[in-house]
Amino acid sequence: MSRTSLFLPLGLFLVMAFMLWRGFALNDPHELPSALLNQPLPAFEKTRLADGAPVTRDALLGEPFLLNVWATWCPTCKAEHAELNRIAATYGVPLVGVNYKDNGPAARAWLARYGDPYRLSLVDDDGSLGIELGVYGAPETFVVDAEGVIRYKRVGAVDRRVWEEEIRPLLTRLGLPLETPKA
């Protein structure tokens, strides 16, 4: 056996160790790339969950807002819902819901039971708006600026840390006058 063949297992081990180290050093897995970042919110015409009235993209423009994709069948949506209620009540942040591939009566009952933080919820029963947004699944949250440009995407639940460290500072930079939280 040559000397070189004795070091082969050590070399393979070092290569595997390096690959594992790089894999564990990846950024937040919730930060999935989005081709829509810094691009306009796709044009759409959907209906409002509450009353079936038509809503277009242009009707949402004028101030920064959060666009939250949610569904009653999504357990993570239920987990994040209390935080969305808190954000809407405490800071007055405009939230627009996208009820994704869901049942309308069940969604209305769910909001009545758990609270409705949304200024309005759009019905996306066929998932077409979700496809346009590049949605992987629910929940997903987007920050959209006053001109309708997507500035941020979050895959997964919005919790207190995500709100305080990522979304709130961005909304402030975008000029949304956030109300001072009540103690």
C-alpha atoms as a PDB file:
ATOM      1  CA  MET A   1       0.000   0.000   0.000  1.00  0.00           C
ATOM      2  CA  SER A   2       1.416   3.398  -0.936  1.00  0.00           C
ATOM      3  CA  ARG A   3       1.620   6.398   1.393  1.00  0.00           C
ATOM      4  CA  THR A   4      -0.819   8.292  -0.787  1.00  0.00           C
ATOM      5  CA  SER A   5      -3.543   5.683  -0.348  1.00  0.00           C
ATOM      6  CA  LEU A   6      -3.199   6.032   3.447  1.00  0.00           C
ATOM      7  CA  PHE A   7      -4.194   9.715   3.232  1.00  0.00           C
ATOM      8  CA  LEU A   8      -7.137   9.132   0.904  1.00  0.00           C
ATOM      9  CA  PRO A   9      -9.667   8.432   3.731  1.00  0.00           C
ATOM     10  CA  LEU A  10      -8.474  11.547   5.580  1.00  0.00           C
ATOM     11  CA  GLY A  11      -8.876  13.648   2.433  1.00  0.00           C
ATOM     12  CA  LEU A  12     -12.404  12.297   1.822  1.00  0.00           C
ATOM     13  CA  PHE A  13     -13.303  12.998   5.458  1.00  0.00           C
ATOM     14  CA  LEU A  14     -12.055  16.598   5.196  1.00  0.00           C
ATOM     15  CA  VAL A  15     -14.020  17.190   1.979  1.00  0.00           C
ATOM     16  CA  MET A  16     -17.215  15.811   3.571  1.00  0.00           C
ATOM     17  CA  ALA A  17     -16.648  17.834   6.742  1.00  0.00           C
ATOM     18  CA  PHE A  18     -16.257  21.004   4.679  1.00  0.00           C
ATOM     19  CA  MET A  19     -19.469  20.290   2.740  1.00  0.00           C
ATOM     20  CA  LEU A  20     -21.406  19.696   5.977  1.00  0.00           C
ATOM     21  CA  TRP A  21     -20.001  22.879   7.503  1.00  0.00           C
ATOM     22  CA  ARG A  22     -21.111  24.889   4.452  1.00  0.00           C
ATOM     23  CA  GLY A  23     -24.546  23.285   4.520  1.00  0.00           C
ATOM     24  CA  PHE A  24     -25.112  24.153   8.161  1.00  0.00           C
ATOM     25  CA  ALA A  25     -23.854  27.688   7.616  1.00  0.00           C
ATOM     26  CA  LEU A  26     -26.609  28.511   5.109  1.00  0.00           C
ATOM     27  CA  ASN A  27     -28.801  31.492   5.821  1.00  0.00           C
ATOM     28  CA  ASP A  28     -32.353  31.300   7.095  1.00  0.00           C
ATOM     29  CA  PRO A  29     -34.230  28.539   5.224  1.00  0.00           C
ATOM     30  CA  HIS A  30     -37.291  30.827   5.158  1.00  0.00           C
ATOM     31  CA  GLU A  31     -35.414  33.171   2.839  1.00  0.00           C
ATOM     32  CA  LEU A  32     -36.191  31.486  -0.426  1.00  0.00           C
ATOM     33  CA  PRO A  33     -35.265  33.433  -3.542  1.00  0.00           C
ATOM     34  CA  SER A  34     -38.055  35.281  -5.271  1.00  0.00           C
ATOM     35  CA  ALA A  35     -37.926  36.533  -8.831  1.00  0.00           C
ATOM     36  CA  LEU A  36     -40.521  39.137  -7.824  1.00  0.00           C
ATOM     37  CA  LEU A  37     -38.346  41.032  -5.350  1.00  0.00           C
ATOM     38  CA  ASN A  38     -38.127  44.648  -6.493  1.00  0.00           C
ATOM     39  CA  GLN A  39     -40.699  43.878  -9.190  1.00  0.00           C
ATOM     40  CA  PRO A  40     -44.293  45.121  -9.410  1.00  0.00           C
ATOM     41  CA  LEU A  41     -47.027  43.164  -7.705  1.00  0.00           C
ATOM     42  CA  PRO A  42     -48.687  41.175 -10.514  1.00  0.00           C
ATOM     43  CA  ALA A  43     -51.883  42.624 -11.953  1.00  0.00           C
ATOM     44  CA  PHE A  44     -54.980  40.745 -10.828  1.00  0.00           C
ATOM     45  CA  GLU A  45     -58.712  40.949 -10.387  1.00  0.00           C
ATOM     46  CA  LYS A  46     -60.029  38.941  -7.466  1.00  0.00           C
ATOM     47  CA  THR A  47     -63.074  39.158  -5.232  1.00  0.00           C
ATOM     48  CA  ARG A  48     -63.206  40.237  -1.622  1.00  0.00           C
ATOM     49  CA  LEU A  49     -63.857  37.371   0.806  1.00  0.00           C
ATOM     50  CA  ALA A  50     -66.294  39.394   2.912  1.00  0.00           C
ATOM     51  CA  ASP A  51     -68.758  40.379   0.195  1.00  0.00           C
ATOM     52  CA  GLY A  52     -67.578  39.202  -3.240  1.00  0.00           C
ATOM     53  CA  ALA A  53     -66.827  42.730  -4.462  1.00  0.00           C
ATOM     54  CA  PRO A  54     -64.139  42.897  -7.160  1.00  0.00           C
ATOM     55  CA  VAL A  55     -60.653  44.086  -6.185  1.00  0.00           C
ATOM     56  CA  THR A  56     -57.744  44.879  -8.483  1.00  0.00           C
ATOM     57  CA  ARG A  57     -54.063  45.420  -7.821  1.00  0.00           C
ATOM     58  CA  ASP A  58     -54.419  49.156  -8.359  1.00  0.00           C
ATOM     59  CA  ALA A  59     -57.001  49.443  -5.556  1.00  0.00           C
ATOM     60  CA  LEU A  60     -54.311  48.387  -3.048  1.00  0.00           C
ATOM     61  CA  LEU A  61     -51.753  51.039  -3.983  1.00  0.00           C
ATOM     62  CA  GLY A  62     -51.010  54.298  -2.196  1.00  0.00           C
ATOM     63  CA  GLU A  63     -49.267  53.182   0.989  1.00  0.00           C
ATOM     64  CA  PRO A  64     -46.997  50.287   1.964  1.00  0.00           C
ATOM     65  CA  PHE A  65     -48.827  47.164   3.133  1.00  0.00           C
ATOM     66  CA  LEU A  66     -48.352  43.542   4.081  1.00  0.00           C
ATOM     67  CA  LEU A  67     -49.782  40.912   1.755  1.00  0.00           C
ATOM     68  CA  ASN A  68     -50.323  37.704   3.726  1.00  0.00           C
ATOM     69  CA  VAL A  69     -51.161  34.406   2.008  1.00  0.00           C
ATOM     70  CA  TRP A  70     -53.211  32.229   4.394  1.00  0.00           C
ATOM     71  CA  ALA A  71     -55.684  29.352   4.525  1.00  0.00           C
ATOM     72  CA  THR A  72     -57.869  27.596   7.078  1.00  0.00           C
ATOM     73  CA  TRP A  73     -56.233  24.252   6.251  1.00  0.00           C
ATOM     74  CA  CYS A  74     -52.798  25.639   7.182  1.00  0.00           C
ATOM     75  CA  PRO A  75     -51.724  24.956  10.799  1.00  0.00           C
ATOM     76  CA  THR A  76     -48.845  27.435  10.571  1.00  0.00           C
ATOM     77  CA  CYS A  77     -51.315  30.137   9.496  1.00  0.00           C
ATOM     78  CA  LYS A  78     -53.237  29.569  12.709  1.00  0.00           C
ATOM     79  CA  ALA A  79     -49.993  29.796  14.687  1.00  0.00           C
ATOM     80  CA  GLU A  80     -49.064  33.152  13.103  1.00  0.00           C
ATOM     81  CA  HIS A  81     -52.584  34.592  13.231  1.00  0.00           C
ATOM     82  CA  ALA A  82     -52.340  35.954  16.784  1.00  0.00           C
ATOM     83  CA  GLU A  83     -49.205  37.886  15.807  1.00  0.00           C
ATOM     84  CA  LEU A  84     -50.939  39.354  12.750  1.00  0.00           C
ATOM     85  CA  ASN A  85     -53.848  40.429  14.959  1.00  0.00           C
ATOM     86  CA  ARG A  86     -51.363  42.043  17.367  1.00  0.00           C
ATOM     87  CA  ILE A  87     -49.520  43.852  14.569  1.00  0.00           C
ATOM     88  CA  ALA A  88     -52.752  45.213  13.063  1.00  0.00           C
ATOM     89  CA  ALA A  89     -54.171  46.309  16.436  1.00  0.00           C
ATOM     90  CA  THR A  90     -50.953  47.727  17.901  1.00  0.00           C
ATOM     91  CA  TYR A  91     -49.382  49.398  14.882  1.00  0.00           C
ATOM     92  CA  GLY A  92     -52.247  49.939  12.472  1.00  0.00           C
ATOM     93  CA  VAL A  93     -50.362  48.195   9.684  1.00  0.00           C
ATOM     94  CA  PRO A  94     -52.459  47.678   6.559  1.00  0.00           C
ATOM     95  CA  LEU A  95     -52.744  43.938   6.014  1.00  0.00           C
ATOM     96  CA  VAL A  96     -54.233  42.394   2.889  1.00  0.00           C
ATOM     97  CA  GLY A  97     -55.010  38.694   3.064  1.00  0.00           C
ATOM     98  CA  VAL A  98     -54.948  36.257   0.189  1.00  0.00           C
ATOM     99  CA  ASN A  99     -57.163  33.317   1.109  1.00  0.00           C
ATOM    100  CA  TYR A 100     -55.291  30.635  -0.805  1.00  0.00           C
ATOM    101  CA  LYS A 101     -56.984  27.526  -2.259  1.00  0.00           C
ATOM    102  CA  ASP A 102     -59.604  27.549   0.462  1.00  0.00           C
ATOM    103  CA  ASN A 103     -63.329  27.327   1.096  1.00  0.00           C
ATOM    104  CA  GLY A 104     -65.026  30.744   1.364  1.00  0.00           C
ATOM    105  CA  PRO A 105     -67.563  29.973   4.124  1.00  0.00           C
ATOM    106  CA  ALA A 106     -64.899  28.169   6.175  1.00  0.00           C
ATOM    107  CA  ALA A 107     -62.520  31.121   5.755  1.00  0.00           C
ATOM    108  CA  ARG A 108     -65.151  33.648   6.878  1.00  0.00           C
ATOM    109  CA  ALA A 109     -65.977  31.486   9.914  1.00  0.00           C
ATOM    110  CA  TRP A 110     -62.268  31.141  10.720  1.00  0.00           C
ATOM    111  CA  LEU A 111     -61.787  34.922  10.700  1.00  0.00           C
ATOM    112  CA  ALA A 112     -64.899  35.384  12.854  1.00  0.00           C
ATOM    113  CA  ARG A 113     -63.537  32.871  15.357  1.00  0.00           C
ATOM    114  CA  TYR A 114     -59.862  33.933  15.511  1.00  0.00           C
ATOM    115  CA  GLY A 115     -60.158  37.631  14.652  1.00  0.00           C
ATOM    116  CA  ASP A 116     -59.721  39.463  11.382  1.00  0.00           C
ATOM    117  CA  PRO A 117     -56.528  41.529  11.126  1.00  0.00           C
ATOM    118  CA  TYR A 118     -57.018  42.188   7.411  1.00  0.00           C
ATOM    119  CA  ARG A 119     -58.311  45.353   5.786  1.00  0.00           C
ATOM    120  CA  LEU A 120     -59.579  42.909   3.203  1.00  0.00           C
ATOM    121  CA  SER A 121     -59.011  39.329   2.159  1.00  0.00           C
ATOM    122  CA  LEU A 122     -58.896  38.320  -1.474  1.00  0.00           C
ATOM    123  CA  VAL A 123     -60.336  35.014  -2.639  1.00  0.00           C
ATOM    124  CA  ASP A 124     -57.728  32.942  -4.494  1.00  0.00           C
ATOM    125  CA  ASP A 125     -59.615  29.657  -4.612  1.00  0.00           C
ATOM    126  CA  ASP A 126     -57.915  28.479  -7.805  1.00  0.00           C
ATOM    127  CA  GLY A 127     -54.433  29.532  -6.641  1.00  0.00           C
ATOM    128  CA  SER A 128     -53.778  31.688  -9.717  1.00  0.00           C
ATOM    129  CA  LEU A 129     -52.664  34.742  -7.725  1.00  0.00           C
ATOM    130  CA  GLY A 130     -50.467  32.476  -5.619  1.00  0.00           C
ATOM    131  CA  ILE A 131     -48.842  31.180  -8.794  1.00  0.00           C
ATOM    132  CA  GLU A 132     -48.232  34.749 -10.007  1.00  0.00           C
ATOM    133  CA  LEU A 133     -46.645  35.561  -6.630  1.00  0.00           C
ATOM    134  CA  GLY A 134     -44.459  32.449  -6.696  1.00  0.00           C
ATOM    135  CA  VAL A 135     -46.081  31.082  -3.546  1.00  0.00           C
ATOM    136  CA  TYR A 136     -44.610  27.817  -2.243  1.00  0.00           C
ATOM    137  CA  GLY A 137     -47.440  27.331   0.251  1.00  0.00           C
ATOM    138  CA  ALA A 138     -49.150  29.113   3.090  1.00  0.00           C
ATOM    139  CA  PRO A 139     -48.294  31.190   4.998  1.00  0.00           C
ATOM    140  CA  GLU A 140     -46.207  33.610   3.019  1.00  0.00           C
ATOM    141  CA  THR A 141     -45.972  37.339   3.611  1.00  0.00           C
ATOM    142  CA  PHE A 142     -44.875  40.095   1.261  1.00  0.00           C
ATOM    143  CA  VAL A 143     -44.060  43.730   1.956  1.00  0.00           C
ATOM    144  CA  VAL A 144     -45.372  45.856  -0.901  1.00  0.00           C
ATOM    145  CA  ASP A 145     -44.436  49.531  -1.177  1.00  0.00           C
ATOM    146  CA  ALA A 146     -46.844  52.387  -1.979  1.00  0.00           C
ATOM    147  CA  GLU A 147     -46.202  52.038  -5.728  1.00  0.00           C
ATOM    148  CA  GLY A 148     -46.943  48.313  -5.690  1.00  0.00           C
ATOM    149  CA  VAL A 149     -43.369  46.995  -5.802  1.00  0.00           C
ATOM    150  CA  ILE A 150     -42.617  43.856  -3.768  1.00  0.00           C
ATOM    151  CA  ARG A 151     -39.771  44.658  -1.368  1.00  0.00           C
ATOM    152  CA  TYR A 152     -39.703  41.563   0.863  1.00  0.00           C
ATOM    153  CA  LYS A 153     -40.918  37.987   0.949  1.00  0.00           C
ATOM    154  CA  ARG A 154     -41.213  35.724   3.982  1.00  0.00           C
ATOM    155  CA  VAL A 155     -41.945  32.026   3.590  1.00  0.00           C
ATOM    156  CA  GLY A 156     -43.361  30.702   6.853  1.00  0.00           C
ATOM    157  CA  ALA A 157     -44.900  32.319   9.893  1.00  0.00           C
ATOM    158  CA  VAL A 158     -44.405  35.915  10.907  1.00  0.00           C
ATOM    159  CA  ASP A 159     -43.556  35.912  14.605  1.00  0.00           C
ATOM    160  CA  ARG A 160     -42.477  38.657  16.997  1.00  0.00           C
ATOM    161  CA  ARG A 161     -38.790  38.341  16.034  1.00  0.00           C
ATOM    162  CA  VAL A 162     -39.505  38.511  12.301  1.00  0.00           C
ATOM    163  CA  TRP A 163     -41.756  41.514  12.864  1.00  0.00           C
ATOM    164  CA  GLU A 164     -39.261  43.425  15.033  1.00  0.00           C
ATOM    165  CA  GLU A 165     -36.060  42.571  13.134  1.00  0.00           C
ATOM    166  CA  GLU A 166     -37.185  42.377   9.505  1.00  0.00           C
ATOM    167  CA  ILE A 167     -40.642  43.676   8.642  1.00  0.00           C
ATOM    168  CA  ARG A 168     -41.149  46.638  10.981  1.00  0.00           C
ATOM    169  CA  PRO A 169     -37.815  48.320  10.081  1.00  0.00           C
ATOM    170  CA  LEU A 170     -38.541  47.852   6.374  1.00  0.00           C
ATOM    171  CA  LEU A 171     -42.028  49.359   6.655  1.00  0.00           C
ATOM    172  CA  THR A 172     -40.539  52.310   8.541  1.00  0.00           C
ATOM    173  CA  ARG A 173     -37.923  52.828   5.791  1.00  0.00           C
ATOM    174  CA  LEU A 174     -40.730  52.706   3.226  1.00  0.00           C
ATOM    175  CA  GLY A 175     -42.417  55.597   5.028  1.00  0.00           C
ATOM    176  CA  LEU A 176     -45.326  53.816   6.708  1.00  0.00           C
ATOM    177  CA  PRO A 177     -46.141  55.827   9.841  1.00  0.00           C
ATOM    178  CA  LEU A 178     -46.343  53.031  12.414  1.00  0.00           C
ATOM    179  CA  GLU A 179     -48.310  53.873  15.504  1.00  0.00           C
ATOM    180  CA  THR A 180     -46.379  53.731  18.761  1.00  0.00           C
ATOM    181  CA  PRO A 181     -47.115  50.419  20.453  1.00  0.00           C
ATOM    182  CA  LYS A 182     -49.386  50.632  23.437  1.00  0.00           C
ATOM    183  CA  ALA A 183     -47.870  49.286  26.651  1.00  0.00           C
END
